[in-house]
Amino acid sequence: MFSSACPGWIQYAERVLPSTVIPHICTAKSPQQIMGSLVKNYFARQQHLSPDKIFHIVVAPCYDKKLEASRGDFYTHLYNSQDVDCVLTSGEVFQMMEQRKISLKEITEVSFDTLFGGIKEELNRHDGRSDGYLEHIFKHAAKELFNTEVKELTYKILKNKDFQEVTLEKDGETVLRFAAAYGFRNIQNMILKLKKGKCSYHFVEVLACPGGCLNGNGQAQTEDGKPDKALLKQMEDVYATVPVQIPETNGHVQKLYQEWLEGMESNKAQESLHTKYSMEKPPANSYDIKW
């Protein structure tokens, strides 16, 4: 199985090798589009609003998220409404702040509304690095399939730091083999192995950008238009200080499954949290990236 959270990777899979890869892509929506379902459905009902009366903006380090938000998969004809109405990159937000001469250093207090009716929300992060799917699914699979509690994952760097693998051994046998493949050089090598029937991984976390999402093309860049490595390192350090919370232990998540999704295996959960990709190569349009 391949992860499905990176829209650049999804575009590549649909346009270059749909019949080879699409059957293996996870059907879970990306975090952006799951939040879109949450805002335009659950939150809209909580506020007694029609979904088209909410303008949902996402800030992301990724230009491809704009393409993802405009997909027909995430459009509700009944309300003439996209689940996500607008995506701004973090670099674009930075540019707007510069144009308006707004400095974060001058802002002393920031207040946030909440999806959960005034309940105090704490900032937490998922397992792992940019994406988090690999670590979460690896630990879950180890526990559910092999009754093994995995606290920390040990990554083995293969050809480069953007292609790493994680394995679980039991009774001298490798029972789980996961990989993280970031950047198209690594993705193409992995696809080549798949075509030859030599891909030995059970799950691959795929991200189009080398270094992962924090290094997305939509991030603020240096004056010469190159990624700001110092800023990337600072973001990674800050991210590492945020407490980790496993989603299953989050009371808000449990409440959503009960009140909104009608259970974990319900049709509502399938409809709201999952999507599907066609194995027919989609027609080209003016927004296509030239692979």
C-alpha atoms as a PDB file:
ATOM      1  CA  MET A   1       0.000   0.000   0.000  1.00  0.00           C
ATOM      2  CA  PHE A   2       1.096   3.562  -0.797  1.00  0.00           C
ATOM      3  CA  SER A   3       0.052   6.584   1.271  1.00  0.00           C
ATOM      4  CA  SER A   4      -2.400   9.054  -0.265  1.00  0.00           C
ATOM      5  CA  ALA A   5      -1.790  12.359   1.532  1.00  0.00           C
ATOM      6  CA  CYS A   6       0.556  13.978  -1.032  1.00  0.00           C
ATOM      7  CA  PRO A   7      -1.346  15.527  -3.992  1.00  0.00           C
ATOM      8  CA  GLY A   8       1.806  15.772  -6.120  1.00  0.00           C
ATOM      9  CA  TRP A   9       2.272  12.016  -5.782  1.00  0.00           C
ATOM     10  CA  ILE A  10      -1.408  11.361  -6.561  1.00  0.00           C
ATOM     11  CA  GLN A  11      -1.211  13.535  -9.706  1.00  0.00           C
ATOM     12  CA  TYR A  12       1.876  11.633 -10.812  1.00  0.00           C
ATOM     13  CA  ALA A  13       0.252   8.243 -10.196  1.00  0.00           C
ATOM     14  CA  GLU A  14      -2.948   9.165 -12.064  1.00  0.00           C
ATOM     15  CA  ARG A  15      -1.250  10.654 -15.099  1.00  0.00           C
ATOM     16  CA  VAL A  16       1.853   8.524 -15.557  1.00  0.00           C
ATOM     17  CA  LEU A  17       1.052   4.991 -14.376  1.00  0.00           C
ATOM     18  CA  PRO A  18      -2.571   4.647 -13.234  1.00  0.00           C
ATOM     19  CA  SER A  19      -3.028   0.910 -13.823  1.00  0.00           C
ATOM     20  CA  THR A  20       0.260   0.073 -12.062  1.00  0.00           C
ATOM     21  CA  VAL A  21      -0.071   2.172  -8.905  1.00  0.00           C
ATOM     22  CA  ILE A  22      -3.703   3.226  -8.322  1.00  0.00           C
ATOM     23  CA  PRO A  23      -4.846  -0.210  -7.042  1.00  0.00           C
ATOM     24  CA  HIS A  24      -2.210   0.041  -4.291  1.00  0.00           C
ATOM     25  CA  ILE A  25      -2.954   3.603  -3.081  1.00  0.00           C
ATOM     26  CA  CYS A  26      -4.659   3.991   0.292  1.00  0.00           C
ATOM     27  CA  THR A  27      -8.248   5.228  -0.043  1.00  0.00           C
ATOM     28  CA  ALA A  28      -8.028   7.541   2.983  1.00  0.00           C
ATOM     29  CA  LYS A  29      -8.429  11.211   2.131  1.00  0.00           C
ATOM     30  CA  SER A  30      -5.550  13.544   2.902  1.00  0.00           C
ATOM     31  CA  PRO A  31      -5.662  15.483   6.210  1.00  0.00           C
ATOM     32  CA  GLN A  32      -6.636  18.605   4.227  1.00  0.00           C
ATOM     33  CA  GLN A  33      -9.667  16.933   2.673  1.00  0.00           C
ATOM     34  CA  ILE A  34     -10.711  15.168   5.867  1.00  0.00           C
ATOM     35  CA  MET A  35     -10.723  18.584   7.516  1.00  0.00           C
ATOM     36  CA  GLY A  36     -12.775  19.803   4.558  1.00  0.00           C
ATOM     37  CA  SER A  37     -15.395  17.131   5.239  1.00  0.00           C
ATOM     38  CA  LEU A  38     -15.321  18.007   8.933  1.00  0.00           C
ATOM     39  CA  VAL A  39     -15.757  21.754   8.378  1.00  0.00           C
ATOM     40  CA  LYS A  40     -18.411  21.574   5.653  1.00  0.00           C
ATOM     41  CA  ASN A  41     -20.407  18.835   7.378  1.00  0.00           C
ATOM     42  CA  TYR A  42     -19.982  18.524  11.149  1.00  0.00           C
ATOM     43  CA  PHE A  43     -18.975  22.134  11.849  1.00  0.00           C
ATOM     44  CA  ALA A  44     -21.617  23.507   9.456  1.00  0.00           C
ATOM     45  CA  ARG A  45     -24.328  21.573  11.299  1.00  0.00           C
ATOM     46  CA  GLN A  46     -22.986  22.731  14.673  1.00  0.00           C
ATOM     47  CA  GLN A  47     -23.254  26.337  13.480  1.00  0.00           C
ATOM     48  CA  HIS A  48     -26.658  25.784  11.786  1.00  0.00           C
ATOM     49  CA  LEU A  49     -25.183  26.863   8.454  1.00  0.00           C
ATOM     50  CA  SER A  50     -25.390  25.567   4.916  1.00  0.00           C
ATOM     51  CA  PRO A  51     -21.931  24.373   3.729  1.00  0.00           C
ATOM     52  CA  ASP A  52     -21.861  27.015   0.985  1.00  0.00           C
ATOM     53  CA  LYS A  53     -22.091  29.716   3.669  1.00  0.00           C
ATOM     54  CA  ILE A  54     -18.679  28.731   5.044  1.00  0.00           C
ATOM     55  CA  PHE A  55     -15.501  29.798   3.246  1.00  0.00           C
ATOM     56  CA  HIS A  56     -12.876  27.246   4.238  1.00  0.00           C
ATOM     57  CA  ILE A  57      -9.236  28.351   3.863  1.00  0.00           C
ATOM     58  CA  VAL A  58      -6.244  26.047   4.372  1.00  0.00           C
ATOM     59  CA  VAL A  59      -2.659  27.221   4.880  1.00  0.00           C
ATOM     60  CA  ALA A  60      -0.124  24.667   3.633  1.00  0.00           C
ATOM     61  CA  PRO A  61       3.535  24.507   2.537  1.00  0.00           C
ATOM     62  CA  CYS A  62       2.458  23.026  -0.810  1.00  0.00           C
ATOM     63  CA  TYR A  63       1.183  24.447  -4.127  1.00  0.00           C
ATOM     64  CA  ASP A  64      -0.239  21.052  -5.147  1.00  0.00           C
ATOM     65  CA  LYS A  65      -2.772  21.360  -2.331  1.00  0.00           C
ATOM     66  CA  LYS A  66      -4.503  23.974  -4.503  1.00  0.00           C
ATOM     67  CA  LEU A  67      -4.987  21.355  -7.236  1.00  0.00           C
ATOM     68  CA  GLU A  68      -6.215  18.847  -4.680  1.00  0.00           C
ATOM     69  CA  ALA A  69      -8.810  21.259  -3.275  1.00  0.00           C
ATOM     70  CA  SER A  70     -10.232  21.859  -6.777  1.00  0.00           C
ATOM     71  CA  ARG A  71     -10.764  18.158  -7.588  1.00  0.00           C
ATOM     72  CA  GLY A  72     -14.270  17.076  -8.494  1.00  0.00           C
ATOM     73  CA  ASP A  73     -14.024  14.284  -5.884  1.00  0.00           C
ATOM     74  CA  PHE A  74     -14.316  16.907  -3.162  1.00  0.00           C
ATOM     75  CA  TYR A  75     -17.256  18.898  -4.527  1.00  0.00           C
ATOM     76  CA  THR A  76     -20.843  18.699  -3.250  1.00  0.00           C
ATOM     77  CA  HIS A  77     -23.335  19.373  -6.061  1.00  0.00           C
ATOM     78  CA  LEU A  78     -26.263  19.799  -3.665  1.00  0.00           C
ATOM     79  CA  TYR A  79     -24.685  22.903  -2.127  1.00  0.00           C
ATOM     80  CA  ASN A  80     -22.432  23.929  -5.040  1.00  0.00           C
ATOM     81  CA  SER A  81     -19.558  23.822  -2.582  1.00  0.00           C
ATOM     82  CA  GLN A  82     -15.967  22.535  -2.481  1.00  0.00           C
ATOM     83  CA  ASP A  83     -14.842  20.997   0.809  1.00  0.00           C
ATOM     84  CA  VAL A  84     -11.868  23.393   0.733  1.00  0.00           C
ATOM     85  CA  ASP A  85     -12.540  26.755  -0.913  1.00  0.00           C
ATOM     86  CA  CYS A  86      -9.051  28.241  -0.902  1.00  0.00           C
ATOM     87  CA  VAL A  87      -5.476  27.119  -0.242  1.00  0.00           C
ATOM     88  CA  LEU A  88      -2.774  29.631   0.630  1.00  0.00           C
ATOM     89  CA  THR A  89       0.825  28.544   0.855  1.00  0.00           C
ATOM     90  CA  SER A  90       2.836  29.627   3.865  1.00  0.00           C
ATOM     91  CA  GLY A  91       5.052  31.588   1.460  1.00  0.00           C
ATOM     92  CA  GLU A  92       1.989  33.484   0.164  1.00  0.00           C
ATOM     93  CA  VAL A  93       0.910  34.304   3.719  1.00  0.00           C
ATOM     94  CA  PHE A  94       4.413  35.616   4.382  1.00  0.00           C
ATOM     95  CA  GLN A  95       4.229  37.790   1.242  1.00  0.00           C
ATOM     96  CA  MET A  96       0.857  39.235   2.308  1.00  0.00           C
ATOM     97  CA  MET A  97       2.256  40.047   5.746  1.00  0.00           C
ATOM     98  CA  GLU A  98       5.226  41.807   4.135  1.00  0.00           C
ATOM     99  CA  GLN A  99       2.944  43.815   1.839  1.00  0.00           C
ATOM    100  CA  ARG A 100       0.853  44.952   4.807  1.00  0.00           C
ATOM    101  CA  LYS A 101       3.942  45.454   7.004  1.00  0.00           C
ATOM    102  CA  ILE A 102       2.648  43.031   9.648  1.00  0.00           C
ATOM    103  CA  SER A 103       5.223  41.583  12.028  1.00  0.00           C
ATOM    104  CA  LEU A 104       4.537  38.586  14.255  1.00  0.00           C
ATOM    105  CA  LYS A 105       6.833  40.153  16.843  1.00  0.00           C
ATOM    106  CA  GLU A 106       4.303  42.956  17.289  1.00  0.00           C
ATOM    107  CA  ILE A 107       1.370  40.575  17.866  1.00  0.00           C
ATOM    108  CA  THR A 108       0.994  39.967  21.593  1.00  0.00           C
ATOM    109  CA  GLU A 109      -2.134  37.802  21.661  1.00  0.00           C
ATOM    110  CA  VAL A 110      -3.889  35.449  19.262  1.00  0.00           C
ATOM    111  CA  SER A 111      -7.302  33.904  19.872  1.00  0.00           C
ATOM    112  CA  PHE A 112      -8.768  30.876  18.105  1.00  0.00           C
ATOM    113  CA  ASP A 113     -12.280  29.595  17.739  1.00  0.00           C
ATOM    114  CA  THR A 114     -12.796  25.881  18.200  1.00  0.00           C
ATOM    115  CA  LEU A 115     -14.598  23.133  16.349  1.00  0.00           C
ATOM    116  CA  PHE A 116     -15.700  21.679  19.658  1.00  0.00           C
ATOM    117  CA  GLY A 117     -17.955  24.227  21.301  1.00  0.00           C
ATOM    118  CA  GLY A 118     -15.547  26.038  23.577  1.00  0.00           C
ATOM    119  CA  ILE A 119     -13.624  22.979  24.762  1.00  0.00           C
ATOM    120  CA  LYS A 120     -10.004  23.983  25.268  1.00  0.00           C
ATOM    121  CA  GLU A 121      -7.861  22.483  22.527  1.00  0.00           C
ATOM    122  CA  GLU A 122      -4.178  21.748  23.012  1.00  0.00           C
ATOM    123  CA  LEU A 123      -1.645  21.675  20.210  1.00  0.00           C
ATOM    124  CA  ASN A 124      -0.463  18.108  19.606  1.00  0.00           C
ATOM    125  CA  ARG A 125       1.273  16.309  16.781  1.00  0.00           C
ATOM    126  CA  HIS A 126       1.096  12.831  15.330  1.00  0.00           C
ATOM    127  CA  ASP A 127       3.937  10.329  15.303  1.00  0.00           C
ATOM    128  CA  GLY A 128       6.869  10.764  13.012  1.00  0.00           C
ATOM    129  CA  ARG A 129       8.071  13.468  10.698  1.00  0.00           C
ATOM    130  CA  SER A 130       6.354  15.218   7.781  1.00  0.00           C
ATOM    131  CA  ASP A 131       3.551  12.802   7.117  1.00  0.00           C
ATOM    132  CA  GLY A 132       3.236  10.524  10.129  1.00  0.00           C
ATOM    133  CA  TYR A 133       1.414   7.705   8.372  1.00  0.00           C
ATOM    134  CA  LEU A 134       4.370   5.326   8.330  1.00  0.00           C
ATOM    135  CA  GLU A 135       4.994   5.413  12.073  1.00  0.00           C
ATOM    136  CA  HIS A 136       1.331   5.269  13.053  1.00  0.00           C
ATOM    137  CA  ILE A 137       0.460   2.388  10.719  1.00  0.00           C
ATOM    138  CA  PHE A 138       3.655   0.499  11.547  1.00  0.00           C
ATOM    139  CA  LYS A 139       2.954   0.607  15.287  1.00  0.00           C
ATOM    140  CA  HIS A 140      -0.704  -0.297  14.756  1.00  0.00           C
ATOM    141  CA  ALA A 141       0.155  -3.226  12.447  1.00  0.00           C
ATOM    142  CA  ALA A 142       2.815  -4.516  14.843  1.00  0.00           C
ATOM    143  CA  LYS A 143       0.305  -4.513  17.692  1.00  0.00           C
ATOM    144  CA  GLU A 144      -2.716  -5.852  15.803  1.00  0.00           C
ATOM    145  CA  LEU A 145      -0.987  -8.459  13.640  1.00  0.00           C
ATOM    146  CA  PHE A 146       1.938  -9.591  15.779  1.00  0.00           C
ATOM    147  CA  ASN A 147       1.020  -8.478  19.332  1.00  0.00           C
ATOM    148  CA  THR A 148       4.207  -6.431  19.504  1.00  0.00           C
ATOM    149  CA  GLU A 149       4.378  -3.013  21.176  1.00  0.00           C
ATOM    150  CA  VAL A 150       6.715  -0.725  19.227  1.00  0.00           C
ATOM    151  CA  LYS A 151       7.735   2.420  21.123  1.00  0.00           C
ATOM    152  CA  GLU A 152      10.392   3.872  18.823  1.00  0.00           C
ATOM    153  CA  LEU A 153      11.117   3.181  15.168  1.00  0.00           C
ATOM    154  CA  THR A 154      14.638   2.690  13.856  1.00  0.00           C
ATOM    155  CA  TYR A 155      15.090   4.027  10.351  1.00  0.00           C
ATOM    156  CA  LYS A 156      17.688   2.521   8.044  1.00  0.00           C
ATOM    157  CA  ILE A 157      18.954   4.961   5.401  1.00  0.00           C
ATOM    158  CA  LEU A 158      19.248   3.276   2.000  1.00  0.00           C
ATOM    159  CA  LYS A 159      20.476   5.137  -1.113  1.00  0.00           C
ATOM    160  CA  ASN A 160      19.995   8.573   0.490  1.00  0.00           C
ATOM    161  CA  LYS A 161      18.368  10.222   3.527  1.00  0.00           C
ATOM    162  CA  ASP A 162      15.063  10.547   1.635  1.00  0.00           C
ATOM    163  CA  PHE A 163      14.756   6.803   1.109  1.00  0.00           C
ATOM    164  CA  GLN A 164      14.605   4.927   4.397  1.00  0.00           C
ATOM    165  CA  GLU A 165      13.077   1.686   5.597  1.00  0.00           C
ATOM    166  CA  VAL A 166      11.757   0.297   8.872  1.00  0.00           C
ATOM    167  CA  THR A 167      11.374  -3.416   9.612  1.00  0.00           C
ATOM    168  CA  LEU A 168       9.917  -5.613  12.339  1.00  0.00           C
ATOM    169  CA  GLU A 169      11.446  -8.997  13.035  1.00  0.00           C
ATOM    170  CA  LYS A 170       9.742 -11.818  14.895  1.00  0.00           C
ATOM    171  CA  ASP A 171      11.324 -15.222  15.538  1.00  0.00           C
ATOM    172  CA  GLY A 172      14.161 -14.389  13.169  1.00  0.00           C
ATOM    173  CA  GLU A 173      11.832 -13.490  10.296  1.00  0.00           C
ATOM    174  CA  THR A 174      11.078 -10.029   8.875  1.00  0.00           C
ATOM    175  CA  VAL A 175       7.303  -9.725   9.195  1.00  0.00           C
ATOM    176  CA  LEU A 176       6.863  -6.010   8.419  1.00  0.00           C
ATOM    177  CA  ARG A 177       8.860  -3.934   5.954  1.00  0.00           C
ATOM    178  CA  PHE A 178       7.885  -0.282   5.501  1.00  0.00           C
ATOM    179  CA  ALA A 179       9.619   2.504   3.573  1.00  0.00           C
ATOM    180  CA  ALA A 180       9.594   6.290   3.291  1.00  0.00           C
ATOM    181  CA  ALA A 181      10.283   7.558  -0.245  1.00  0.00           C
ATOM    182  CA  TYR A 182      10.565  11.343  -0.578  1.00  0.00           C
ATOM    183  CA  GLY A 183      11.300  13.179  -3.837  1.00  0.00           C
ATOM    184  CA  PHE A 184      10.651  11.945  -7.369  1.00  0.00           C
ATOM    185  CA  ARG A 185      14.049  10.350  -7.853  1.00  0.00           C
ATOM    186  CA  ASN A 186      13.267   7.917  -5.046  1.00  0.00           C
ATOM    187  CA  ILE A 187       9.643   7.535  -6.132  1.00  0.00           C
ATOM    188  CA  GLN A 188      10.644   6.597  -9.670  1.00  0.00           C
ATOM    189  CA  ASN A 189      13.173   4.037  -8.429  1.00  0.00           C
ATOM    190  CA  MET A 190      10.503   2.492  -6.230  1.00  0.00           C
ATOM    191  CA  ILE A 191       7.973   2.359  -9.101  1.00  0.00           C
ATOM    192  CA  LEU A 192      10.590   0.687 -11.295  1.00  0.00           C
ATOM    193  CA  LYS A 193      10.943  -2.049  -8.672  1.00  0.00           C
ATOM    194  CA  LEU A 194       7.144  -2.393  -8.528  1.00  0.00           C
ATOM    195  CA  LYS A 195       6.944  -2.859 -12.304  1.00  0.00           C
ATOM    196  CA  LYS A 196       9.606  -5.579 -12.106  1.00  0.00           C
ATOM    197  CA  GLY A 197       7.781  -7.302  -9.251  1.00  0.00           C
ATOM    198  CA  LYS A 198      10.646  -6.595  -6.876  1.00  0.00           C
ATOM    199  CA  CYS A 199       8.973  -4.163  -4.463  1.00  0.00           C
ATOM    200  CA  SER A 200       9.233  -5.929  -1.102  1.00  0.00           C
ATOM    201  CA  TYR A 201       7.480  -3.306   1.039  1.00  0.00           C
ATOM    202  CA  HIS A 202       4.129  -3.721   2.750  1.00  0.00           C
ATOM    203  CA  PHE A 203       3.589   0.044   3.049  1.00  0.00           C
ATOM    204  CA  VAL A 204       5.356   3.062   1.530  1.00  0.00           C
ATOM    205  CA  GLU A 205       4.930   6.635   2.733  1.00  0.00           C
ATOM    206  CA  VAL A 206       5.334   8.713  -0.429  1.00  0.00           C
ATOM    207  CA  LEU A 207       5.973  12.466  -0.543  1.00  0.00           C
ATOM    208  CA  ALA A 208       6.857  14.374  -3.715  1.00  0.00           C
ATOM    209  CA  CYS A 209       9.179  16.889  -2.040  1.00  0.00           C
ATOM    210  CA  PRO A 210      12.710  15.900  -0.958  1.00  0.00           C
ATOM    211  CA  GLY A 211      12.860  16.345   2.793  1.00  0.00           C
ATOM    212  CA  GLY A 212       9.093  15.985   3.141  1.00  0.00           C
ATOM    213  CA  CYS A 213       6.242  18.465   3.537  1.00  0.00           C
ATOM    214  CA  LEU A 214       8.173  20.929   5.693  1.00  0.00           C
ATOM    215  CA  ASN A 215      10.374  21.444   2.636  1.00  0.00           C
ATOM    216  CA  GLY A 216       7.429  22.028   0.297  1.00  0.00           C
ATOM    217  CA  ASN A 217       7.734  24.479  -2.611  1.00  0.00           C
ATOM    218  CA  GLY A 218       5.098  26.678  -0.993  1.00  0.00           C
ATOM    219  CA  GLN A 219       7.302  27.518   1.970  1.00  0.00           C
ATOM    220  CA  ALA A 220       8.905  30.920   2.401  1.00  0.00           C
ATOM    221  CA  GLN A 221      12.167  30.879   0.437  1.00  0.00           C
ATOM    222  CA  THR A 222      15.409  32.822   0.355  1.00  0.00           C
ATOM    223  CA  GLU A 223      15.795  35.884  -1.891  1.00  0.00           C
ATOM    224  CA  ASP A 224      17.358  33.771  -4.657  1.00  0.00           C
ATOM    225  CA  GLY A 225      14.263  31.534  -4.730  1.00  0.00           C
ATOM    226  CA  LYS A 226      15.863  28.528  -3.042  1.00  0.00           C
ATOM    227  CA  PRO A 227      14.556  26.620   0.013  1.00  0.00           C
ATOM    228  CA  ASP A 228      15.609  28.227   3.278  1.00  0.00           C
ATOM    229  CA  LYS A 229      17.583  25.414   4.930  1.00  0.00           C
ATOM    230  CA  ALA A 230      18.035  27.334   8.167  1.00  0.00           C
ATOM    231  CA  LEU A 231      14.273  27.901   8.384  1.00  0.00           C
ATOM    232  CA  LEU A 232      13.624  24.213   7.632  1.00  0.00           C
ATOM    233  CA  LYS A 233      15.938  23.158  10.461  1.00  0.00           C
ATOM    234  CA  GLN A 234      14.229  25.621  12.809  1.00  0.00           C
ATOM    235  CA  MET A 235      10.781  24.271  11.878  1.00  0.00           C
ATOM    236  CA  GLU A 236      11.915  20.681  12.428  1.00  0.00           C
ATOM    237  CA  ASP A 237      13.270  21.597  15.867  1.00  0.00           C
ATOM    238  CA  VAL A 238      10.065  23.408  16.855  1.00  0.00           C
ATOM    239  CA  TYR A 239       7.911  20.551  15.550  1.00  0.00           C
ATOM    240  CA  ALA A 240       9.894  18.046  17.622  1.00  0.00           C
ATOM    241  CA  THR A 241       9.001  19.930  20.828  1.00  0.00           C
ATOM    242  CA  VAL A 242       5.232  19.592  20.295  1.00  0.00           C
ATOM    243  CA  PRO A 243       3.766  16.775  22.422  1.00  0.00           C
ATOM    244  CA  VAL A 244       2.723  13.572  20.610  1.00  0.00           C
ATOM    245  CA  GLN A 245      -0.801  12.288  21.078  1.00  0.00           C
ATOM    246  CA  ILE A 246      -2.052   9.044  19.554  1.00  0.00           C
ATOM    247  CA  PRO A 247      -5.347   9.800  17.747  1.00  0.00           C
ATOM    248  CA  GLU A 248      -7.159   6.877  19.391  1.00  0.00           C
ATOM    249  CA  THR A 249      -6.618   8.489  22.789  1.00  0.00           C
ATOM    250  CA  ASN A 250      -7.989  11.885  21.747  1.00  0.00           C
ATOM    251  CA  GLY A 251     -11.430  12.542  23.227  1.00  0.00           C
ATOM    252  CA  HIS A 252     -12.356  14.870  20.354  1.00  0.00           C
ATOM    253  CA  VAL A 253     -11.690  12.094  17.840  1.00  0.00           C
ATOM    254  CA  GLN A 254     -13.853   9.660  19.800  1.00  0.00           C
ATOM    255  CA  LYS A 255     -16.633  12.243  19.979  1.00  0.00           C
ATOM    256  CA  LEU A 256     -16.512  12.775  16.207  1.00  0.00           C
ATOM    257  CA  TYR A 257     -16.809   9.056  15.537  1.00  0.00           C
ATOM    258  CA  GLN A 258     -19.850   8.871  17.822  1.00  0.00           C
ATOM    259  CA  GLU A 259     -21.679  12.095  16.939  1.00  0.00           C
ATOM    260  CA  TRP A 260     -20.696  12.683  13.324  1.00  0.00           C
ATOM    261  CA  LEU A 261     -19.521   9.437  11.728  1.00  0.00           C
ATOM    262  CA  GLU A 262     -21.901   7.001  13.470  1.00  0.00           C
ATOM    263  CA  GLY A 263     -19.107   4.573  14.304  1.00  0.00           C
ATOM    264  CA  MET A 264     -15.763   3.521  12.857  1.00  0.00           C
ATOM    265  CA  GLU A 265     -17.101   1.076  10.257  1.00  0.00           C
ATOM    266  CA  SER A 266     -20.183   3.050   9.209  1.00  0.00           C
ATOM    267  CA  ASN A 267     -21.119   4.145   5.700  1.00  0.00           C
ATOM    268  CA  LYS A 268     -20.847   7.722   6.930  1.00  0.00           C
ATOM    269  CA  ALA A 269     -17.222   7.162   7.968  1.00  0.00           C
ATOM    270  CA  GLN A 270     -16.444   5.588   4.600  1.00  0.00           C
ATOM    271  CA  GLU A 271     -18.056   8.479   2.735  1.00  0.00           C
ATOM    272  CA  SER A 272     -16.479  11.237   4.849  1.00  0.00           C
ATOM    273  CA  LEU A 273     -12.960   9.888   5.332  1.00  0.00           C
ATOM    274  CA  HIS A 274     -12.274   7.985   2.110  1.00  0.00           C
ATOM    275  CA  THR A 275     -12.167   8.574  -1.630  1.00  0.00           C
ATOM    276  CA  LYS A 276     -11.258   6.548  -4.717  1.00  0.00           C
ATOM    277  CA  TYR A 277      -9.047   7.086  -7.720  1.00  0.00           C
ATOM    278  CA  SER A 278      -9.804   6.060 -11.294  1.00  0.00           C
ATOM    279  CA  MET A 279      -7.389   3.809 -13.193  1.00  0.00           C
ATOM    280  CA  GLU A 280      -8.320   5.630 -16.403  1.00  0.00           C
ATOM    281  CA  LYS A 281      -5.803   8.335 -17.245  1.00  0.00           C
ATOM    282  CA  PRO A 282      -7.590  11.689 -16.732  1.00  0.00           C
ATOM    283  CA  PRO A 283      -7.711  14.244 -19.564  1.00  0.00           C
ATOM    284  CA  ALA A 284      -5.041  16.930 -19.510  1.00  0.00           C
ATOM    285  CA  ASN A 285      -5.977  20.415 -18.325  1.00  0.00           C
ATOM    286  CA  SER A 286      -4.269  23.780 -17.993  1.00  0.00           C
ATOM    287  CA  TYR A 287      -3.473  23.145 -14.325  1.00  0.00           C
ATOM    288  CA  ASP A 288      -1.492  19.969 -14.941  1.00  0.00           C
ATOM    289  CA  ILE A 289       2.072  19.806 -13.752  1.00  0.00           C
ATOM    290  CA  LYS A 290       4.481  18.866 -16.554  1.00  0.00           C
ATOM    291  CA  TRP A 291       5.972  15.650 -15.239  1.00  0.00           C
END
